[in-house]
Amino acid sequence: MNGKNKAGVATVDAKVEARTRTLTAQEEKIVRMRHGFRAPETMKLEQVGQDHPAAAATLASIEKRAISAVAARANPTKRKIVGALRAKN
């Protein structure tokens, strides 16, 4: 990765960190696990809820609230990120 790419990644990381501070700890964990922010890889909702199958619906609800919370405070850049995350689902 060249210096320019590293700077871009650092900027994105800083923005993600700033946005996730507005979430509850539970919301942040679910969003990070689901979308791969500082996680080894993204996980399907079924994988996130695999240890507790009954929790899958709760996890989906938490993820939806978390994404909506970020989108509600969105600027144009955030709207692009949230739109991309929604399209990914």
PDB file of N, CA and C in Angstrom:
ATOM      1  N   MET A   1       0.850  -1.168   0.000  1.00  0.00           N
ATOM      2  CA  MET A   1       0.000   0.000   0.000  1.00  0.00           C
ATOM      3  C   MET A   1       0.896   1.231   0.000  1.00  0.00           C
ATOM      4  N   ASN A   2       0.643   2.161  -0.919  1.00  0.00           N
ATOM      5  CA  ASN A   2       1.493   3.344  -0.976  1.00  0.00           C
ATOM      6  C   ASN A   2       1.059   4.377   0.066  1.00  0.00           C
ATOM      7  N   GLY A   3       1.844   5.427   0.213  1.00  0.00           N
ATOM      8  CA  GLY A   3       1.574   6.447   1.227  1.00  0.00           C
ATOM      9  C   GLY A   3       0.224   7.111   1.062  1.00  0.00           C
ATOM     10  N   LYS A   4      -0.181   7.347  -0.190  1.00  0.00           N
ATOM     11  CA  LYS A   4      -1.474   7.995  -0.443  1.00  0.00           C
ATOM     12  C   LYS A   4      -2.620   7.097   0.014  1.00  0.00           C
ATOM     13  N   ASN A   5      -2.538   5.802  -0.291  1.00  0.00           N
ATOM     14  CA  ASN A   5      -3.573   4.863   0.137  1.00  0.00           C
ATOM     15  C   ASN A   5      -3.631   4.753   1.650  1.00  0.00           C
ATOM     16  N   LYS A   6      -2.459   4.730   2.296  1.00  0.00           N
ATOM     17  CA  LYS A   6      -2.428   4.660   3.757  1.00  0.00           C
ATOM     18  C   LYS A   6      -3.098   5.879   4.362  1.00  0.00           C
ATOM     19  N   ALA A   7      -2.862   7.051   3.786  1.00  0.00           N
ATOM     20  CA  ALA A   7      -3.484   8.277   4.286  1.00  0.00           C
ATOM     21  C   ALA A   7      -4.994   8.208   4.111  1.00  0.00           C
ATOM     22  N   GLY A   8      -5.446   7.670   2.979  1.00  0.00           N
ATOM     23  CA  GLY A   8      -6.881   7.525   2.738  1.00  0.00           C
ATOM     24  C   GLY A   8      -7.524   6.562   3.711  1.00  0.00           C
ATOM     25  N   VAL A   9      -6.851   5.457   3.976  1.00  0.00           N
ATOM     26  CA  VAL A   9      -7.359   4.474   4.936  1.00  0.00           C
ATOM     27  C   VAL A   9      -7.422   5.086   6.327  1.00  0.00           C
ATOM     28  N   ALA A  10      -6.392   5.833   6.701  1.00  0.00           N
ATOM     29  CA  ALA A  10      -6.373   6.481   8.015  1.00  0.00           C
ATOM     30  C   ALA A  10      -7.521   7.468   8.142  1.00  0.00           C
ATOM     31  N   THR A  11      -7.817   8.200   7.063  1.00  0.00           N
ATOM     32  CA  THR A  11      -8.925   9.149   7.084  1.00  0.00           C
ATOM     33  C   THR A  11     -10.249   8.421   7.259  1.00  0.00           C
ATOM     34  N   VAL A  12     -10.446   7.341   6.525  1.00  0.00           N
ATOM     35  CA  VAL A  12     -11.676   6.560   6.647  1.00  0.00           C
ATOM     36  C   VAL A  12     -11.785   5.979   8.051  1.00  0.00           C
ATOM     37  N   ASP A  13     -10.683   5.415   8.573  1.00  0.00           N
ATOM     38  CA  ASP A  13     -10.691   4.871   9.930  1.00  0.00           C
ATOM     39  C   ASP A  13     -11.090   5.935  10.945  1.00  0.00           C
ATOM     40  N   ALA A  14     -10.553   7.133  10.804  1.00  0.00           N
ATOM     41  CA  ALA A  14     -10.875   8.221  11.732  1.00  0.00           C
ATOM     42  C   ALA A  14     -12.349   8.591  11.633  1.00  0.00           C
ATOM     43  N   LYS A  15     -12.881   8.619  10.414  1.00  0.00           N
ATOM     44  CA  LYS A  15     -14.297   8.949  10.228  1.00  0.00           C
ATOM     45  C   LYS A  15     -15.191   7.869  10.821  1.00  0.00           C
ATOM     46  N   VAL A  16     -14.831   6.608  10.603  1.00  0.00           N
ATOM     47  CA  VAL A  16     -15.617   5.506  11.172  1.00  0.00           C
ATOM     48  C   VAL A  16     -15.587   5.590  12.696  1.00  0.00           C
ATOM     49  N   GLU A  17     -14.408   5.826  13.257  1.00  0.00           N
ATOM     50  CA  GLU A  17     -14.286   5.955  14.715  1.00  0.00           C
ATOM     51  C   GLU A  17     -15.175   7.071  15.237  1.00  0.00           C
ATOM     52  N   ALA A  18     -15.151   8.215  14.572  1.00  0.00           N
ATOM     53  CA  ALA A  18     -15.957   9.356  15.015  1.00  0.00           C
ATOM     54  C   ALA A  18     -17.445   9.032  14.950  1.00  0.00           C
ATOM     55  N   ARG A  19     -17.867   8.349  13.906  1.00  0.00           N
ATOM     56  CA  ARG A  19     -19.295   8.040  13.752  1.00  0.00           C
ATOM     57  C   ARG A  19     -19.756   6.975  14.742  1.00  0.00           C
ATOM     58  N   THR A  20     -18.914   5.995  14.999  1.00  0.00           N
ATOM     59  CA  THR A  20     -19.346   4.924  15.894  1.00  0.00           C
ATOM     60  C   THR A  20     -19.400   5.375  17.344  1.00  0.00           C
ATOM     61  N   ARG A  21     -18.769   6.502  17.665  1.00  0.00           N
ATOM     62  CA  ARG A  21     -18.857   7.020  19.038  1.00  0.00           C
ATOM     63  C   ARG A  21     -20.279   7.421  19.401  1.00  0.00           C
ATOM     64  N   THR A  22     -21.132   7.653  18.400  1.00  0.00           N
ATOM     65  CA  THR A  22     -22.512   8.048  18.665  1.00  0.00           C
ATOM     66  C   THR A  22     -23.416   6.845  18.912  1.00  0.00           C
ATOM     67  N   LEU A  23     -22.888   5.646  18.729  1.00  0.00           N
ATOM     68  CA  LEU A  23     -23.670   4.424  18.908  1.00  0.00           C
ATOM     69  C   LEU A  23     -23.463   3.859  20.305  1.00  0.00           C
ATOM     70  N   THR A  24     -24.417   3.038  20.719  1.00  0.00           N
ATOM     71  CA  THR A  24     -24.216   2.319  21.972  1.00  0.00           C
ATOM     72  C   THR A  24     -23.135   1.270  21.733  1.00  0.00           C
ATOM     73  N   ALA A  25     -22.585   0.736  22.797  1.00  0.00           N
ATOM     74  CA  ALA A  25     -21.540  -0.284  22.669  1.00  0.00           C
ATOM     75  C   ALA A  25     -22.058  -1.490  21.885  1.00  0.00           C
ATOM     76  N   GLN A  26     -23.288  -1.878  22.161  1.00  0.00           N
ATOM     77  CA  GLN A  26     -23.883  -3.026  21.482  1.00  0.00           C
ATOM     78  C   GLN A  26     -24.063  -2.730  19.989  1.00  0.00           C
ATOM     79  N   GLU A  27     -24.583  -1.537  19.659  1.00  0.00           N
ATOM     80  CA  GLU A  27     -24.760  -1.167  18.260  1.00  0.00           C
ATOM     81  C   GLU A  27     -23.422  -1.135  17.530  1.00  0.00           C
ATOM     82  N   GLU A  28     -22.418  -0.552  18.177  1.00  0.00           N
ATOM     83  CA  GLU A  28     -21.097  -0.458  17.564  1.00  0.00           C
ATOM     84  C   GLU A  28     -20.529  -1.849  17.277  1.00  0.00           C
ATOM     85  N   LYS A  29     -20.646  -2.750  18.234  1.00  0.00           N
ATOM     86  CA  LYS A  29     -20.117  -4.107  18.062  1.00  0.00           C
ATOM     87  C   LYS A  29     -20.787  -4.800  16.875  1.00  0.00           C
ATOM     88  N   ILE A  30     -22.111  -4.686  16.791  1.00  0.00           N
ATOM     89  CA  ILE A  30     -22.850  -5.340  15.714  1.00  0.00           C
ATOM     90  C   ILE A  30     -22.456  -4.755  14.360  1.00  0.00           C
ATOM     91  N   VAL A  31     -22.394  -3.428  14.268  1.00  0.00           N
ATOM     92  CA  VAL A  31     -22.027  -2.799  12.996  1.00  0.00           C
ATOM     93  C   VAL A  31     -20.608  -3.189  12.595  1.00  0.00           C
ATOM     94  N   ARG A  32     -19.693  -3.180  13.551  1.00  0.00           N
ATOM     95  CA  ARG A  32     -18.302  -3.553  13.242  1.00  0.00           C
ATOM     96  C   ARG A  32     -18.219  -5.009  12.780  1.00  0.00           C
ATOM     97  N   MET A  33     -18.921  -5.899  13.467  1.00  0.00           N
ATOM     98  CA  MET A  33     -18.891  -7.313  13.091  1.00  0.00           C
ATOM     99  C   MET A  33     -19.534  -7.518  11.723  1.00  0.00           C
ATOM    100  N   ARG A  34     -20.654  -6.880  11.517  1.00  0.00           N
ATOM    101  CA  ARG A  34     -21.431  -7.083  10.296  1.00  0.00           C
ATOM    102  C   ARG A  34     -20.725  -6.533   9.065  1.00  0.00           C
ATOM    103  N   HIS A  35     -20.085  -5.373   9.206  1.00  0.00           N
ATOM    104  CA  HIS A  35     -19.521  -4.702   8.044  1.00  0.00           C
ATOM    105  C   HIS A  35     -18.001  -4.721   7.998  1.00  0.00           C
ATOM    106  N   GLY A  36     -17.373  -5.409   8.941  1.00  0.00           N
ATOM    107  CA  GLY A  36     -15.944  -5.630   8.856  1.00  0.00           C
ATOM    108  C   GLY A  36     -15.063  -4.470   9.257  1.00  0.00           C
ATOM    109  N   PHE A  37     -15.597  -3.511   9.998  1.00  0.00           N
ATOM    110  CA  PHE A  37     -14.755  -2.420  10.481  1.00  0.00           C
ATOM    111  C   PHE A  37     -13.849  -2.967  11.564  1.00  0.00           C
ATOM    112  N   ARG A  38     -12.571  -3.037  11.256  1.00  0.00           N
ATOM    113  CA  ARG A  38     -11.569  -3.573  12.181  1.00  0.00           C
ATOM    114  C   ARG A  38     -11.900  -4.999  12.617  1.00  0.00           C
ATOM    115  N   ALA A  39     -12.486  -5.726  11.732  1.00  0.00           N
ATOM    116  CA  ALA A  39     -12.754  -7.141  11.962  1.00  0.00           C
ATOM    117  C   ALA A  39     -12.031  -7.895  10.850  1.00  0.00           C
ATOM    118  N   PRO A  40     -11.707  -9.161  11.066  1.00  0.00           N
ATOM    119  CA  PRO A  40     -10.970  -9.895  10.048  1.00  0.00           C
ATOM    120  C   PRO A  40     -11.699  -9.952   8.710  1.00  0.00           C
ATOM    121  N   GLU A  41     -12.997 -10.013   8.734  1.00  0.00           N
ATOM    122  CA  GLU A  41     -13.797 -10.055   7.511  1.00  0.00           C
ATOM    123  C   GLU A  41     -15.230  -9.712   7.868  1.00  0.00           C
ATOM    124  N   THR A  42     -16.014  -9.340   6.878  1.00  0.00           N
ATOM    125  CA  THR A  42     -17.416  -9.072   7.159  1.00  0.00           C
ATOM    126  C   THR A  42     -18.113 -10.393   7.436  1.00  0.00           C
ATOM    127  N   MET A  43     -19.163 -10.313   8.182  1.00  0.00           N
ATOM    128  CA  MET A  43     -19.893 -11.515   8.558  1.00  0.00           C
ATOM    129  C   MET A  43     -21.348 -11.351   8.149  1.00  0.00           C
ATOM    130  N   LYS A  44     -21.945 -12.423   7.700  1.00  0.00           N
ATOM    131  CA  LYS A  44     -23.370 -12.390   7.419  1.00  0.00           C
ATOM    132  C   LYS A  44     -24.103 -12.342   8.747  1.00  0.00           C
ATOM    133  N   LEU A  45     -25.307 -11.782   8.708  1.00  0.00           N
ATOM    134  CA  LEU A  45     -26.092 -11.666   9.931  1.00  0.00           C
ATOM    135  C   LEU A  45     -26.274 -13.032  10.592  1.00  0.00           C
ATOM    136  N   GLU A  46     -26.425 -14.058   9.779  1.00  0.00           N
ATOM    137  CA  GLU A  46     -26.589 -15.408  10.321  1.00  0.00           C
ATOM    138  C   GLU A  46     -25.348 -15.841  11.100  1.00  0.00           C
ATOM    139  N   GLN A  47     -24.161 -15.439  10.613  1.00  0.00           N
ATOM    140  CA  GLN A  47     -22.920 -15.785  11.304  1.00  0.00           C
ATOM    141  C   GLN A  47     -22.797 -15.028  12.620  1.00  0.00           C
ATOM    142  N   VAL A  48     -23.204 -13.754  12.604  1.00  0.00           N
ATOM    143  CA  VAL A  48     -23.130 -12.947  13.820  1.00  0.00           C
ATOM    144  C   VAL A  48     -24.010 -13.570  14.899  1.00  0.00           C
ATOM    145  N   GLY A  49     -25.182 -14.046  14.520  1.00  0.00           N
ATOM    146  CA  GLY A  49     -26.114 -14.616  15.485  1.00  0.00           C
ATOM    147  C   GLY A  49     -25.996 -16.116  15.647  1.00  0.00           C
ATOM    148  N   GLN A  50     -24.943 -16.701  15.110  1.00  0.00           N
ATOM    149  CA  GLN A  50     -24.806 -18.156  15.120  1.00  0.00           C
ATOM    150  C   GLN A  50     -24.740 -18.743  16.530  1.00  0.00           C
ATOM    151  N   ASP A  51     -24.042 -18.092  17.439  1.00  0.00           N
ATOM    152  CA  ASP A  51     -23.935 -18.624  18.792  1.00  0.00           C
ATOM    153  C   ASP A  51     -25.271 -18.604  19.523  1.00  0.00           C
ATOM    154  N   HIS A  52     -26.124 -17.666  19.160  1.00  0.00           N
ATOM    155  CA  HIS A  52     -27.437 -17.525  19.793  1.00  0.00           C
ATOM    156  C   HIS A  52     -28.470 -17.341  18.688  1.00  0.00           C
ATOM    157  N   PRO A  53     -28.947 -18.429  18.099  1.00  0.00           N
ATOM    158  CA  PRO A  53     -29.851 -18.330  16.954  1.00  0.00           C
ATOM    159  C   PRO A  53     -31.073 -17.447  17.201  1.00  0.00           C
ATOM    160  N   ALA A  54     -31.588 -17.441  18.407  1.00  0.00           N
ATOM    161  CA  ALA A  54     -32.766 -16.624  18.702  1.00  0.00           C
ATOM    162  C   ALA A  54     -32.450 -15.136  18.648  1.00  0.00           C
ATOM    163  N   ALA A  55     -31.179 -14.797  18.698  1.00  0.00           N
ATOM    164  CA  ALA A  55     -30.779 -13.388  18.711  1.00  0.00           C
ATOM    165  C   ALA A  55     -30.680 -12.777  17.315  1.00  0.00           C
ATOM    166  N   ALA A  56     -30.819 -13.560  16.264  1.00  0.00           N
ATOM    167  CA  ALA A  56     -30.643 -13.039  14.901  1.00  0.00           C
ATOM    168  C   ALA A  56     -31.589 -11.881  14.607  1.00  0.00           C
ATOM    169  N   ALA A  57     -32.850 -11.995  15.004  1.00  0.00           N
ATOM    170  CA  ALA A  57     -33.809 -10.909  14.767  1.00  0.00           C
ATOM    171  C   ALA A  57     -33.430  -9.671  15.562  1.00  0.00           C
ATOM    172  N   THR A  58     -32.971  -9.882  16.786  1.00  0.00           N
ATOM    173  CA  THR A  58     -32.536  -8.759  17.612  1.00  0.00           C
ATOM    174  C   THR A  58     -31.330  -8.080  16.989  1.00  0.00           C
ATOM    175  N   LEU A  59     -30.397  -8.867  16.485  1.00  0.00           N
ATOM    176  CA  LEU A  59     -29.216  -8.305  15.834  1.00  0.00           C
ATOM    177  C   LEU A  59     -29.600  -7.492  14.603  1.00  0.00           C
ATOM    178  N   ALA A  60     -30.541  -7.993  13.826  1.00  0.00           N
ATOM    179  CA  ALA A  60     -30.987  -7.260  12.638  1.00  0.00           C
ATOM    180  C   ALA A  60     -31.614  -5.933  13.034  1.00  0.00           C
ATOM    181  N   SER A  61     -32.391  -5.952  14.095  1.00  0.00           N
ATOM    182  CA  SER A  61     -33.024  -4.726  14.583  1.00  0.00           C
ATOM    183  C   SER A  61     -31.990  -3.718  15.079  1.00  0.00           C
ATOM    184  N   ILE A  62     -31.006  -4.204  15.819  1.00  0.00           N
ATOM    185  CA  ILE A  62     -29.934  -3.329  16.324  1.00  0.00           C
ATOM    186  C   ILE A  62     -29.164  -2.725  15.154  1.00  0.00           C
ATOM    187  N   GLU A  63     -28.835  -3.548  14.169  1.00  0.00           N
ATOM    188  CA  GLU A  63     -28.104  -3.052  13.005  1.00  0.00           C
ATOM    189  C   GLU A  63     -28.914  -1.983  12.278  1.00  0.00           C
ATOM    190  N   LYS A  64     -30.198  -2.223  12.100  1.00  0.00           N
ATOM    191  CA  LYS A  64     -31.059  -1.260  11.410  1.00  0.00           C
ATOM    192  C   LYS A  64     -31.105   0.062  12.172  1.00  0.00           C
ATOM    193  N   ARG A  65     -31.262  -0.003  13.497  1.00  0.00           N
ATOM    194  CA  ARG A  65     -31.283   1.218  14.318  1.00  0.00           C
ATOM    195  C   ARG A  65     -29.951   1.944  14.246  1.00  0.00           C
ATOM    196  N   ALA A  66     -28.867   1.191  14.296  1.00  0.00           N
ATOM    197  CA  ALA A  66     -27.536   1.801  14.262  1.00  0.00           C
ATOM    198  C   ALA A  66     -27.289   2.509  12.933  1.00  0.00           C
ATOM    199  N   ILE A  67     -27.636   1.862  11.843  1.00  0.00           N
ATOM    200  CA  ILE A  67     -27.450   2.481  10.529  1.00  0.00           C
ATOM    201  C   ILE A  67     -28.353   3.697  10.390  1.00  0.00           C
ATOM    202  N   SER A  68     -29.581   3.595  10.886  1.00  0.00           N
ATOM    203  CA  SER A  68     -30.485   4.747  10.843  1.00  0.00           C
ATOM    204  C   SER A  68     -29.963   5.896  11.689  1.00  0.00           C
ATOM    205  N   ALA A  69     -29.380   5.575  12.844  1.00  0.00           N
ATOM    206  CA  ALA A  69     -28.836   6.617  13.724  1.00  0.00           C
ATOM    207  C   ALA A  69     -27.706   7.364  13.039  1.00  0.00           C
ATOM    208  N   VAL A  70     -26.854   6.638  12.358  1.00  0.00           N
ATOM    209  CA  VAL A  70     -25.755   7.278  11.636  1.00  0.00           C
ATOM    210  C   VAL A  70     -26.315   8.074  10.458  1.00  0.00           C
ATOM    211  N   ALA A  71     -27.271   7.507   9.748  1.00  0.00           N
ATOM    212  CA  ALA A  71     -27.837   8.177   8.578  1.00  0.00           C
ATOM    213  C   ALA A  71     -28.583   9.452   8.962  1.00  0.00           C
ATOM    214  N   ALA A  72     -29.231   9.447  10.116  1.00  0.00           N
ATOM    215  CA  ALA A  72     -29.993  10.614  10.555  1.00  0.00           C
ATOM    216  C   ALA A  72     -29.095  11.824  10.749  1.00  0.00           C
ATOM    217  N   ARG A  73     -27.868  11.593  11.109  1.00  0.00           N
ATOM    218  CA  ARG A  73     -26.920  12.684  11.333  1.00  0.00           C
ATOM    219  C   ARG A  73     -25.980  12.838  10.144  1.00  0.00           C
ATOM    220  N   ALA A  74     -26.420  12.309   9.014  1.00  0.00           N
ATOM    221  CA  ALA A  74     -25.517  12.174   7.873  1.00  0.00           C
ATOM    222  C   ALA A  74     -25.237  13.483   7.144  1.00  0.00           C
ATOM    223  N   ASN A  75     -24.008  13.602   6.753  1.00  0.00           N
ATOM    224  CA  ASN A  75     -23.615  14.612   5.781  1.00  0.00           C
ATOM    225  C   ASN A  75     -23.480  13.866   4.458  1.00  0.00           C
ATOM    226  N   PRO A  76     -23.161  14.533   3.368  1.00  0.00           N
ATOM    227  CA  PRO A  76     -23.101  13.826   2.080  1.00  0.00           C
ATOM    228  C   PRO A  76     -22.170  12.613   2.071  1.00  0.00           C
ATOM    229  N   THR A  77     -21.036  12.713   2.727  1.00  0.00           N
ATOM    230  CA  THR A  77     -20.101  11.587   2.767  1.00  0.00           C
ATOM    231  C   THR A  77     -20.711  10.426   3.533  1.00  0.00           C
ATOM    232  N   LYS A  78     -21.327  10.720   4.670  1.00  0.00           N
ATOM    233  CA  LYS A  78     -21.954   9.653   5.455  1.00  0.00           C
ATOM    234  C   LYS A  78     -23.079   9.003   4.671  1.00  0.00           C
ATOM    235  N   ARG A  79     -23.861   9.810   3.953  1.00  0.00           N
ATOM    236  CA  ARG A  79     -24.958   9.241   3.174  1.00  0.00           C
ATOM    237  C   ARG A  79     -24.429   8.246   2.140  1.00  0.00           C
ATOM    238  N   LYS A  80     -23.297   8.561   1.516  1.00  0.00           N
ATOM    239  CA  LYS A  80     -22.701   7.632   0.553  1.00  0.00           C
ATOM    240  C   LYS A  80     -22.288   6.335   1.237  1.00  0.00           C
ATOM    241  N   ILE A  81     -21.667   6.449   2.403  1.00  0.00           N
ATOM    242  CA  ILE A  81     -21.209   5.263   3.137  1.00  0.00           C
ATOM    243  C   ILE A  81     -22.396   4.411   3.553  1.00  0.00           C
ATOM    244  N   VAL A  82     -23.417   5.043   4.138  1.00  0.00           N
ATOM    245  CA  VAL A  82     -24.599   4.304   4.590  1.00  0.00           C
ATOM    246  C   VAL A  82     -25.313   3.684   3.394  1.00  0.00           C
ATOM    247  N   GLY A  83     -25.416   4.420   2.296  1.00  0.00           N
ATOM    248  CA  GLY A  83     -26.043   3.874   1.093  1.00  0.00           C
ATOM    249  C   GLY A  83     -25.312   2.647   0.581  1.00  0.00           C
ATOM    250  N   ALA A  84     -23.990   2.708   0.604  1.00  0.00           N
ATOM    251  CA  ALA A  84     -23.190   1.560   0.167  1.00  0.00           C
ATOM    252  C   ALA A  84     -23.386   0.374   1.099  1.00  0.00           C
ATOM    253  N   LEU A  85     -23.449   0.633   2.401  1.00  0.00           N
ATOM    254  CA  LEU A  85     -23.664  -0.452   3.361  1.00  0.00           C
ATOM    255  C   LEU A  85     -25.037  -1.081   3.170  1.00  0.00           C
ATOM    256  N   ARG A  86     -26.048  -0.249   2.943  1.00  0.00           N
ATOM    257  CA  ARG A  86     -27.397  -0.782   2.724  1.00  0.00           C
ATOM    258  C   ARG A  86     -27.454  -1.597   1.436  1.00  0.00           C
ATOM    259  N   ALA A  87     -26.809  -1.117   0.399  1.00  0.00           N
ATOM    260  CA  ALA A  87     -26.807  -1.830  -0.881  1.00  0.00           C
ATOM    261  C   ALA A  87     -26.102  -3.172  -0.758  1.00  0.00           C
ATOM    262  N   LYS A  88     -25.126  -3.239   0.133  1.00  0.00           N
ATOM    263  CA  LYS A  88     -24.362  -4.464   0.358  1.00  0.00           C
ATOM    264  C   LYS A  88     -25.244  -5.571   0.938  1.00  0.00           C
ATOM    265  N   ASN A  89     -26.280  -5.180   1.677  1.00  0.00           N
ATOM    266  CA  ASN A  89     -27.180  -6.164   2.288  1.00  0.00           C
ATOM    267  C   ASN A  89     -28.072  -6.688   1.224  1.00  0.00           C
TER     268      ASN A  89
END
